[in-house]
C-alpha atoms as a PDB file:
ATOM      1  CA  VAL A   1      63.808-123.293  98.679  1.00  0.00           C
ATOM      2  CA  GLY A   2      64.276-119.808 100.064  1.00  0.00           C
ATOM      3  CA  LYS A   3      66.457-121.087 102.974  1.00  0.00           C
ATOM      4  CA  ARG A   4      68.414-122.906 100.097  1.00  0.00           C
ATOM      5  CA  ALA A   5      69.459-120.275  97.790  1.00  0.00           C
ATOM      6  CA  GLU A   6      70.219-117.971 100.470  1.00  0.00           C
ATOM      7  CA  SER A   7      72.583-120.574 101.740  1.00  0.00           C
ATOM      8  CA  VAL A   8      74.299-120.934  98.173  1.00  0.00           C
ATOM      9  CA  TRP A   9      74.494-117.328  97.977  1.00  0.00           C
ATOM     10  CA  GLN A  10      76.392-117.003 101.257  1.00  0.00           C
ATOM     11  CA  THR A  11      78.524-120.309 100.648  1.00  0.00           C
ATOM     12  CA  VAL A  12      79.273-118.780  97.043  1.00  0.00           C
ATOM     13  CA  THR A  13      79.768-115.031  98.808  1.00  0.00           C
ATOM     14  CA  GLN A  14      82.169-116.552 101.160  1.00  0.00           C
ATOM     15  CA  ILE A  15      84.219-118.566  98.149  1.00  0.00           C
ATOM     16  CA  SER A  16      84.929-114.989  96.480  1.00  0.00           C
ATOM     17  CA  HIS A  17      86.044-113.392  99.362  1.00  0.00           C
ATOM     18  CA  ASN A  18      88.947-115.844 100.197  1.00  0.00           C
ATOM     19  CA  LEU A  19      89.458-116.371  96.233  1.00  0.00           C
ATOM     20  CA  PHE A  20      90.248-112.467  96.552  1.00  0.00           C
ATOM     21  CA  ARG A  21      91.867-112.545  99.258  1.00  0.00           C
ATOM     22  CA  THR A  22      93.845-115.050  98.418  1.00  0.00           C
ATOM     23  CA  THR A  23      94.873-113.118  94.906  1.00  0.00           C
ATOM     24  CA  ARG A  24      95.929-110.482  96.668  1.00  0.00           C
ATOM     25  CA  GLN A  25      98.478-111.844  99.107  1.00  0.00           C
ATOM     26  CA  THR A  26      99.732-113.794  95.671  1.00  0.00           C
ATOM     27  CA  GLU A  27     100.155-110.569  93.879  1.00  0.00           C
ATOM     28  CA  GLN A  28     101.921-108.675  97.274  1.00  0.00           C
ATOM     29  CA  GLU A  29     104.437-111.701  97.387  1.00  0.00           C
ATOM     30  CA  ARG A  30     105.002-111.268  93.767  1.00  0.00           C
ATOM     31  CA  ALA A  31     105.198-107.534  94.330  1.00  0.00           C
ATOM     32  CA  ILE A  32     107.742-108.234  97.394  1.00  0.00           C
ATOM     33  CA  GLU A  33     110.152-110.879  96.107  1.00  0.00           C
ATOM     34  CA  THR A  34     110.350-108.574  92.469  1.00  0.00           C
ATOM     35  CA  GLN A  35     111.633-105.389  94.737  1.00  0.00           C
ATOM     36  CA  LEU A  36     113.826-107.256  96.773  1.00  0.00           C
ATOM     37  CA  VAL A  37     115.418-108.975  93.455  1.00  0.00           C
ATOM     38  CA  ALA A  38     115.869-105.410  92.365  1.00  0.00           C
ATOM     39  CA  LYS A  39     117.190-104.582  95.748  1.00  0.00           C
ATOM     40  CA  GLY A  40     119.921-107.017  95.126  1.00  0.00           C
ATOM     41  CA  PHE A  41     118.515-109.808  97.201  1.00  0.00           C
ATOM     42  CA  GLU A  42     119.028-112.934  94.256  1.00  0.00           C
ATOM     43  CA  ASP A  43     117.096-115.702  95.760  1.00  0.00           C
ATOM     44  CA  ALA A  44     113.835-113.958  97.841  1.00  0.00           C
ATOM     45  CA  ALA A  45     110.643-115.648  98.735  1.00  0.00           C
ATOM     46  CA  ALA A  46     107.654-114.024 100.637  1.00  0.00           C
ATOM     47  CA  PHE A  47     104.965-115.300 102.342  1.00  0.00           C
ATOM     48  CA  VAL A  48     101.509-113.226 103.271  1.00  0.00           C
ATOM     49  CA  GLN A  49      99.136-114.389 105.203  1.00  0.00           C
ATOM     50  CA  GLU A  50      96.306-112.672 107.292  1.00  0.00           C
ATOM     51  CA  GLY A  51      98.114-110.232 109.829  1.00  0.00           C
ATOM     52  CA  THR A  52     101.637-111.429 108.841  1.00  0.00           C
ATOM     53  CA  VAL A  53     104.183-111.697 106.513  1.00  0.00           C
ATOM     54  CA  THR A  54     107.310-114.004 106.497  1.00  0.00           C
ATOM     55  CA  ILE A  55     110.561-113.181 103.912  1.00  0.00           C
ATOM     56  CA  VAL A  56     113.274-115.635 103.348  1.00  0.00           C
ATOM     57  CA  VAL A  57     116.296-114.231 101.821  1.00  0.00           C
ATOM     58  CA  LYS A  58     119.269-116.457 101.050  1.00  0.00           C
ATOM     59  CA  ARG A  59     122.097-114.678 103.161  1.00  0.00           C
ATOM     60  CA  ASP A  60     124.356-115.473 105.607  1.00  0.00           C
ATOM     61  CA  ARG A  61     123.736-112.793 107.322  1.00  0.00           C
ATOM     62  CA  LEU A  62     121.554-109.383 106.979  1.00  0.00           C
ATOM     63  CA  SER A  63     122.812-106.393 107.830  1.00  0.00           C
ATOM     64  CA  ASP A  64     120.861-103.421 109.940  1.00  0.00           C
ATOM     65  CA  GLU A  65     120.734-101.908 106.361  1.00  0.00           C
ATOM     66  CA  ASP A  66     119.716-105.313 104.340  1.00  0.00           C
ATOM     67  CA  THR A  67     116.696-105.633 107.205  1.00  0.00           C
ATOM     68  CA  ALA A  68     115.472-102.081 107.032  1.00  0.00           C
ATOM     69  CA  GLN A  69     115.239-102.276 103.039  1.00  0.00           C
ATOM     70  CA  ILE A  70     113.314-105.441 103.524  1.00  0.00           C
ATOM     71  CA  LEU A  71     110.894-104.301 105.833  1.00  0.00           C
ATOM     72  CA  GLU A  72     110.153-101.052 104.307  1.00  0.00           C
ATOM     73  CA  ILE A  73     109.293-103.198 101.006  1.00  0.00           C
ATOM     74  CA  ALA A  74     107.325-105.710 103.021  1.00  0.00           C
ATOM     75  CA  MET A  75     105.016-103.006 105.155  1.00  0.00           C
ATOM     76  CA  ARG A  76     104.882-100.835 101.912  1.00  0.00           C
ATOM     77  CA  GLN A  77     103.174-103.582 100.024  1.00  0.00           C
ATOM     78  CA  THR A  78     101.240-105.481 102.382  1.00  0.00           C
ATOM     79  CA  GLU A  79     100.167-102.452 105.055  1.00  0.00           C
ATOM     80  CA  GLN A  80     101.484-104.413 107.482  1.00  0.00           C
ATOM     81  CA  GLU A  81     103.191-103.104 110.954  1.00  0.00           C
ATOM     82  CA  ALA A  82     106.879-103.897 111.252  1.00  0.00           C
ATOM     83  CA  GLY A  83     105.946-106.320 114.379  1.00  0.00           C
ATOM     84  CA  ASN A  84     103.862-108.464 112.008  1.00  0.00           C
ATOM     85  CA  VAL A  85     107.006-108.828 109.411  1.00  0.00           C
ATOM     86  CA  LYS A  86     109.297-111.824 110.040  1.00  0.00           C
ATOM     87  CA  ILE A  87     112.595-111.836 108.216  1.00  0.00           C
ATOM     88  CA  ILE A  88     114.748-114.925 107.711  1.00  0.00           C
ATOM     89  CA  PRO A  89     118.016-114.932 106.149  1.00  0.00           C
ATOM     90  CA  VAL A  90     119.365-118.458 105.228  1.00  0.00           C
ATOM     91  CA  ALA A  91     122.716-119.538 104.519  1.00  0.00           C
ATOM     92  CA  GLY A  92     123.821-119.849 101.092  1.00  0.00           C
END
């Protein structure tokens, strides 16, 4: 019974950690998207995963200033380094 209870506890702990991580990532995605809309990027989607952030924006092209704004928002919200952030413009 002892090993079984320990195994159940480990499973519950792992599920709890996964749920916390997923919730945090979802909150980060929403915060990024909200801030991008406030900066004038009407259609934007953020995808946060362990160690990476992908941002998709509806624009034919991004200026250097646009890219810097998006990157700054993503880095601030996720604490990721610039090299872990991918920005993808999609033609409207």
